[in-house]
Amino acid sequence: MEQASPGGESVLISWRSALDLDHLEFHVHRSVDGQALTRLTEEAVQGSEPHAYLDARAFPDVPLAYRIEARGPDGAVEMLPATLIRTIPRHSLAQSQPNPFRPLKSAARIRFSLVGETHVTLRVFDTSGRLVRVLVDGPRLAGDHVAVWDGRGGGGAPVGTAVYFYQLEAGAFTEVRKLVIGG
């Protein structure tokens, strides 16, 4: 039986097989988002049960499927059933829309997703790192959220045409993206 346990951006795959006595070695294969399987192991996994392999190059928020190739002493190969990991949960910050935007005609919508309830801070900075405005500062529930920036600073005055950065802090997670105010 196979198991896959997500941990951050890695996945630990472990398995036992009633056929272990007949198999000398195993290889781990992975499919990303329904694509063809790719062998991850260069050297065969050997040794006693349970067998394990850490996929440290897993893709967050992408469907992954794993299969175990069991190779017997006679060279015969058997593919053991797949284990599917739907997503590796983590917070995320999307690119603002529209980008660039014109404050008199629209506002920038900034989407972010949280995997659990946490304190969130979403700030806008200019290119020199000065704080322009705080859009969110407080607890938020797990799920999808949208913050809107109207192109104004903390005092309510419009900011100039330029490049800006917005930063999401959610617990230990931090991500920064760029947005542009066009003329």
C-alpha atoms as a PDB file:
ATOM      1  CA  MET A   1       0.000   0.000   0.000  1.00  0.00           C
ATOM      2  CA  GLU A   2       1.287   3.448  -0.860  1.00  0.00           C
ATOM      3  CA  GLN A   3       0.944   6.674   1.038  1.00  0.00           C
ATOM      4  CA  ALA A   4       1.951  10.197   0.162  1.00  0.00           C
ATOM      5  CA  SER A   5       2.196  12.842   2.845  1.00  0.00           C
ATOM      6  CA  PRO A   6       2.533  16.476   1.763  1.00  0.00           C
ATOM      7  CA  GLY A   7       4.904  18.597   3.804  1.00  0.00           C
ATOM      8  CA  GLY A   8       5.446  22.163   2.615  1.00  0.00           C
ATOM      9  CA  GLU A   9       6.698  21.850  -0.943  1.00  0.00           C
ATOM     10  CA  SER A  10       7.825  18.231  -0.592  1.00  0.00           C
ATOM     11  CA  VAL A  11       5.971  14.918  -0.564  1.00  0.00           C
ATOM     12  CA  LEU A  12       7.021  11.787   1.310  1.00  0.00           C
ATOM     13  CA  ILE A  13       5.947   8.634  -0.527  1.00  0.00           C
ATOM     14  CA  SER A  14       6.049   5.404   1.466  1.00  0.00           C
ATOM     15  CA  TRP A  15       4.873   1.933   0.512  1.00  0.00           C
ATOM     16  CA  ARG A  16       4.723  -1.692   1.536  1.00  0.00           C
ATOM     17  CA  SER A  17       4.132  -4.558  -0.807  1.00  0.00           C
ATOM     18  CA  ALA A  18       3.170  -8.144  -0.143  1.00  0.00           C
ATOM     19  CA  LEU A  19       5.382  -8.858  -3.144  1.00  0.00           C
ATOM     20  CA  ASP A  20       8.569  -7.449  -1.578  1.00  0.00           C
ATOM     21  CA  LEU A  21      10.167 -10.881  -1.418  1.00  0.00           C
ATOM     22  CA  ASP A  22       9.855 -11.097  -5.203  1.00  0.00           C
ATOM     23  CA  HIS A  23      11.169  -7.572  -5.896  1.00  0.00           C
ATOM     24  CA  LEU A  24      14.720  -6.455  -5.453  1.00  0.00           C
ATOM     25  CA  GLU A  25      14.311  -2.772  -6.228  1.00  0.00           C
ATOM     26  CA  PHE A  26      11.806   0.026  -6.707  1.00  0.00           C
ATOM     27  CA  HIS A  27      11.700   3.276  -8.676  1.00  0.00           C
ATOM     28  CA  VAL A  28       9.340   6.190  -8.036  1.00  0.00           C
ATOM     29  CA  HIS A  29       7.505   7.862 -10.936  1.00  0.00           C
ATOM     30  CA  ARG A  30       5.503  11.102 -10.838  1.00  0.00           C
ATOM     31  CA  SER A  31       2.876  12.667 -13.083  1.00  0.00           C
ATOM     32  CA  VAL A  32       2.359  16.440 -12.815  1.00  0.00           C
ATOM     33  CA  ASP A  33      -1.143  17.704 -13.625  1.00  0.00           C
ATOM     34  CA  GLY A  34      -2.110  14.599 -15.610  1.00  0.00           C
ATOM     35  CA  GLN A  35       1.001  14.591 -17.835  1.00  0.00           C
ATOM     36  CA  ALA A  36       3.104  11.512 -18.622  1.00  0.00           C
ATOM     37  CA  LEU A  37       4.942   9.755 -15.800  1.00  0.00           C
ATOM     38  CA  THR A  38       8.573  10.726 -15.212  1.00  0.00           C
ATOM     39  CA  ARG A  39      10.971   8.562 -13.207  1.00  0.00           C
ATOM     40  CA  LEU A  40      12.258  10.511 -10.180  1.00  0.00           C
ATOM     41  CA  THR A  41      14.773   8.013  -8.802  1.00  0.00           C
ATOM     42  CA  GLU A  42      18.174   7.619 -10.440  1.00  0.00           C
ATOM     43  CA  GLU A  43      19.174   4.839  -8.083  1.00  0.00           C
ATOM     44  CA  ALA A  44      16.720   2.152  -7.057  1.00  0.00           C
ATOM     45  CA  VAL A  45      15.079   2.251  -3.631  1.00  0.00           C
ATOM     46  CA  GLN A  46      16.100  -0.913  -1.781  1.00  0.00           C
ATOM     47  CA  GLY A  47      16.107  -2.203   1.762  1.00  0.00           C
ATOM     48  CA  SER A  48      13.539  -3.233   4.293  1.00  0.00           C
ATOM     49  CA  GLU A  49       9.917  -2.130   4.598  1.00  0.00           C
ATOM     50  CA  PRO A  50       8.448   0.363   4.687  1.00  0.00           C
ATOM     51  CA  HIS A  51      10.114   1.792   1.604  1.00  0.00           C
ATOM     52  CA  ALA A  52      10.171   5.580   1.292  1.00  0.00           C
ATOM     53  CA  TYR A  53      11.160   8.358  -1.073  1.00  0.00           C
ATOM     54  CA  LEU A  54      11.056  12.134  -0.467  1.00  0.00           C
ATOM     55  CA  ASP A  55      10.012  14.158  -3.522  1.00  0.00           C
ATOM     56  CA  ALA A  56      11.644  17.467  -2.561  1.00  0.00           C
ATOM     57  CA  ARG A  57      10.801  18.991  -5.957  1.00  0.00           C
ATOM     58  CA  ALA A  58       7.018  18.787  -5.629  1.00  0.00           C
ATOM     59  CA  PHE A  59       4.897  21.531  -7.172  1.00  0.00           C
ATOM     60  CA  PRO A  60       2.579  23.383  -4.790  1.00  0.00           C
ATOM     61  CA  ASP A  61      -1.102  23.565  -5.754  1.00  0.00           C
ATOM     62  CA  VAL A  62      -0.729  21.183  -8.733  1.00  0.00           C
ATOM     63  CA  PRO A  63      -2.283  17.694  -8.938  1.00  0.00           C
ATOM     64  CA  LEU A  64       0.421  15.038  -8.571  1.00  0.00           C
ATOM     65  CA  ALA A  65       0.201  11.282  -9.074  1.00  0.00           C
ATOM     66  CA  TYR A  66       2.840   8.780  -7.995  1.00  0.00           C
ATOM     67  CA  ARG A  67       3.433   5.202  -9.151  1.00  0.00           C
ATOM     68  CA  ILE A  68       5.954   2.718  -7.901  1.00  0.00           C
ATOM     69  CA  GLU A  69       7.897   0.597 -10.383  1.00  0.00           C
ATOM     70  CA  ALA A  70       8.735  -2.769  -8.826  1.00  0.00           C
ATOM     71  CA  ARG A  71      11.561  -4.641 -10.556  1.00  0.00           C
ATOM     72  CA  GLY A  72      12.059  -8.346  -9.836  1.00  0.00           C
ATOM     73  CA  PRO A  73      15.271 -10.402  -9.841  1.00  0.00           C
ATOM     74  CA  ASP A  74      14.415 -11.675 -13.321  1.00  0.00           C
ATOM     75  CA  GLY A  75      14.117  -8.102 -14.662  1.00  0.00           C
ATOM     76  CA  ALA A  76      10.302  -8.220 -14.808  1.00  0.00           C
ATOM     77  CA  VAL A  77       8.693  -4.844 -14.109  1.00  0.00           C
ATOM     78  CA  GLU A  78       5.346  -4.243 -12.400  1.00  0.00           C
ATOM     79  CA  MET A  79       3.788  -0.803 -11.858  1.00  0.00           C
ATOM     80  CA  LEU A  80       2.066  -0.626  -8.476  1.00  0.00           C
ATOM     81  CA  PRO A  81      -1.142   1.473  -8.248  1.00  0.00           C
ATOM     82  CA  ALA A  82      -0.971   5.264  -8.216  1.00  0.00           C
ATOM     83  CA  THR A  83      -1.304   7.507  -5.193  1.00  0.00           C
ATOM     84  CA  LEU A  84      -2.892  10.852  -6.030  1.00  0.00           C
ATOM     85  CA  ILE A  85      -2.111  14.051  -4.166  1.00  0.00           C
ATOM     86  CA  ARG A  86      -4.690  16.628  -5.223  1.00  0.00           C
ATOM     87  CA  THR A  87      -2.821  19.663  -3.939  1.00  0.00           C
ATOM     88  CA  ILE A  88      -0.056  20.561  -1.587  1.00  0.00           C
ATOM     89  CA  PRO A  89      -1.748  23.282   0.407  1.00  0.00           C
ATOM     90  CA  ARG A  90      -0.068  26.624   0.908  1.00  0.00           C
ATOM     91  CA  HIS A  91      -1.055  30.255   0.982  1.00  0.00           C
ATOM     92  CA  SER A  92      -0.874  32.051  -2.365  1.00  0.00           C
ATOM     93  CA  LEU A  93      -0.845  35.576  -3.755  1.00  0.00           C
ATOM     94  CA  ALA A  94      -2.050  36.215  -7.323  1.00  0.00           C
ATOM     95  CA  GLN A  95      -1.023  38.903  -9.781  1.00  0.00           C
ATOM     96  CA  SER A  96      -3.184  42.020  -9.450  1.00  0.00           C
ATOM     97  CA  GLN A  97      -5.823  42.664 -12.102  1.00  0.00           C
ATOM     98  CA  PRO A  98      -5.747  44.749 -14.153  1.00  0.00           C
ATOM     99  CA  ASN A  99      -2.047  45.403 -14.346  1.00  0.00           C
ATOM    100  CA  PRO A 100      -1.255  48.125 -15.224  1.00  0.00           C
ATOM    101  CA  PHE A 101      -4.312  50.002 -14.002  1.00  0.00           C
ATOM    102  CA  ARG A 102      -5.522  53.600 -14.146  1.00  0.00           C
ATOM    103  CA  PRO A 103      -6.968  54.759 -10.798  1.00  0.00           C
ATOM    104  CA  LEU A 104      -9.523  57.133 -12.368  1.00  0.00           C
ATOM    105  CA  LYS A 105     -10.928  54.312 -14.522  1.00  0.00           C
ATOM    106  CA  SER A 106     -10.475  51.198 -12.384  1.00  0.00           C
ATOM    107  CA  ALA A 107      -8.944  49.747  -9.236  1.00  0.00           C
ATOM    108  CA  ALA A 108      -6.451  46.928  -8.787  1.00  0.00           C
ATOM    109  CA  ARG A 109      -7.968  43.700  -7.450  1.00  0.00           C
ATOM    110  CA  ILE A 110      -5.475  41.622  -5.472  1.00  0.00           C
ATOM    111  CA  ARG A 111      -6.513  38.021  -4.855  1.00  0.00           C
ATOM    112  CA  PHE A 112      -4.986  35.781  -2.219  1.00  0.00           C
ATOM    113  CA  SER A 113      -5.807  32.354  -0.793  1.00  0.00           C
ATOM    114  CA  LEU A 114      -5.259  31.040   2.702  1.00  0.00           C
ATOM    115  CA  VAL A 115      -5.107  27.383   3.751  1.00  0.00           C
ATOM    116  CA  GLY A 116      -6.066  28.176   7.330  1.00  0.00           C
ATOM    117  CA  GLU A 117      -7.229  31.006   9.531  1.00  0.00           C
ATOM    118  CA  THR A 118      -4.336  33.404  10.138  1.00  0.00           C
ATOM    119  CA  HIS A 119      -3.417  37.040  10.657  1.00  0.00           C
ATOM    120  CA  VAL A 120      -2.923  38.701   7.266  1.00  0.00           C
ATOM    121  CA  THR A 121      -1.144  41.921   6.348  1.00  0.00           C
ATOM    122  CA  LEU A 122      -1.289  43.193   2.756  1.00  0.00           C
ATOM    123  CA  ARG A 123       0.766  46.329   2.106  1.00  0.00           C
ATOM    124  CA  VAL A 124       1.673  48.439  -0.927  1.00  0.00           C
ATOM    125  CA  PHE A 125       5.197  49.887  -1.219  1.00  0.00           C
ATOM    126  CA  ASP A 126       6.900  52.202  -3.699  1.00  0.00           C
ATOM    127  CA  THR A 127      10.155  51.178  -5.431  1.00  0.00           C
ATOM    128  CA  SER A 128      12.266  52.733  -2.675  1.00  0.00           C
ATOM    129  CA  GLY A 129      10.554  50.503  -0.089  1.00  0.00           C
ATOM    130  CA  ARG A 130       8.428  53.213   1.542  1.00  0.00           C
ATOM    131  CA  LEU A 131       5.013  52.103   2.761  1.00  0.00           C
ATOM    132  CA  VAL A 132       2.267  53.574   0.552  1.00  0.00           C
ATOM    133  CA  ARG A 133      -0.823  51.937   2.045  1.00  0.00           C
ATOM    134  CA  VAL A 134      -1.993  49.030   4.210  1.00  0.00           C
ATOM    135  CA  LEU A 135      -4.871  47.235   2.472  1.00  0.00           C
ATOM    136  CA  VAL A 136      -5.451  44.407   4.974  1.00  0.00           C
ATOM    137  CA  ASP A 137      -4.314  44.008   8.563  1.00  0.00           C
ATOM    138  CA  GLY A 138      -6.183  41.462  10.630  1.00  0.00           C
ATOM    139  CA  PRO A 139      -7.337  37.854  10.934  1.00  0.00           C
ATOM    140  CA  ARG A 140      -8.834  36.118   7.903  1.00  0.00           C
ATOM    141  CA  LEU A 141     -10.454  32.706   7.499  1.00  0.00           C
ATOM    142  CA  ALA A 142      -9.196  29.989   5.169  1.00  0.00           C
ATOM    143  CA  GLY A 143     -10.287  30.439   1.545  1.00  0.00           C
ATOM    144  CA  ASP A 144     -10.090  32.941  -1.291  1.00  0.00           C
ATOM    145  CA  HIS A 145      -9.994  36.681  -0.627  1.00  0.00           C
ATOM    146  CA  VAL A 146      -9.840  39.899  -2.669  1.00  0.00           C
ATOM    147  CA  ALA A 147      -8.404  43.254  -1.630  1.00  0.00           C
ATOM    148  CA  VAL A 148      -8.916  46.370  -3.751  1.00  0.00           C
ATOM    149  CA  TRP A 149      -6.440  49.215  -4.162  1.00  0.00           C
ATOM    150  CA  ASP A 150      -7.794  52.432  -5.620  1.00  0.00           C
ATOM    151  CA  GLY A 151      -4.373  53.983  -6.252  1.00  0.00           C
ATOM    152  CA  ARG A 152      -4.437  56.178  -3.149  1.00  0.00           C
ATOM    153  CA  GLY A 153      -1.911  56.431  -0.352  1.00  0.00           C
ATOM    154  CA  GLY A 154      -2.608  56.032   3.349  1.00  0.00           C
ATOM    155  CA  GLY A 155      -3.721  59.677   3.647  1.00  0.00           C
ATOM    156  CA  GLY A 156      -6.228  59.335   0.811  1.00  0.00           C
ATOM    157  CA  ALA A 157      -4.289  61.298  -1.817  1.00  0.00           C
ATOM    158  CA  PRO A 158      -3.735  59.718  -5.252  1.00  0.00           C
ATOM    159  CA  VAL A 159      -0.249  58.330  -5.837  1.00  0.00           C
ATOM    160  CA  GLY A 160       1.695  58.933  -9.060  1.00  0.00           C
ATOM    161  CA  THR A 161       2.146  56.858 -12.173  1.00  0.00           C
ATOM    162  CA  ALA A 162       4.858  54.366 -11.253  1.00  0.00           C
ATOM    163  CA  VAL A 163       5.768  50.801 -10.371  1.00  0.00           C
ATOM    164  CA  TYR A 164       4.636  49.579  -6.935  1.00  0.00           C
ATOM    165  CA  PHE A 165       5.005  46.367  -4.978  1.00  0.00           C
ATOM    166  CA  TYR A 166       2.423  44.635  -2.818  1.00  0.00           C
ATOM    167  CA  GLN A 167       3.395  42.219  -0.064  1.00  0.00           C
ATOM    168  CA  LEU A 168       1.258  39.560   1.601  1.00  0.00           C
ATOM    169  CA  GLU A 169       2.248  38.289   5.032  1.00  0.00           C
ATOM    170  CA  ALA A 170       0.150  35.395   6.348  1.00  0.00           C
ATOM    171  CA  GLY A 171       1.734  33.718   9.348  1.00  0.00           C
ATOM    172  CA  ALA A 172       5.243  32.683   8.250  1.00  0.00           C
ATOM    173  CA  PHE A 173       4.309  33.022   4.553  1.00  0.00           C
ATOM    174  CA  THR A 174       5.494  36.152   2.700  1.00  0.00           C
ATOM    175  CA  GLU A 175       5.199  36.908  -1.008  1.00  0.00           C
ATOM    176  CA  VAL A 176       5.732  40.092  -3.026  1.00  0.00           C
ATOM    177  CA  ARG A 177       4.410  41.002  -6.491  1.00  0.00           C
ATOM    178  CA  LYS A 178       4.696  44.028  -8.737  1.00  0.00           C
ATOM    179  CA  LEU A 179       1.902  46.246 -10.054  1.00  0.00           C
ATOM    180  CA  VAL A 180       1.944  49.331 -12.252  1.00  0.00           C
ATOM    181  CA  ILE A 181      -0.164  52.469 -12.246  1.00  0.00           C
ATOM    182  CA  GLY A 182      -0.329  53.673 -15.858  1.00  0.00           C
ATOM    183  CA  GLY A 183      -0.949  57.195 -17.064  1.00  0.00           C
END
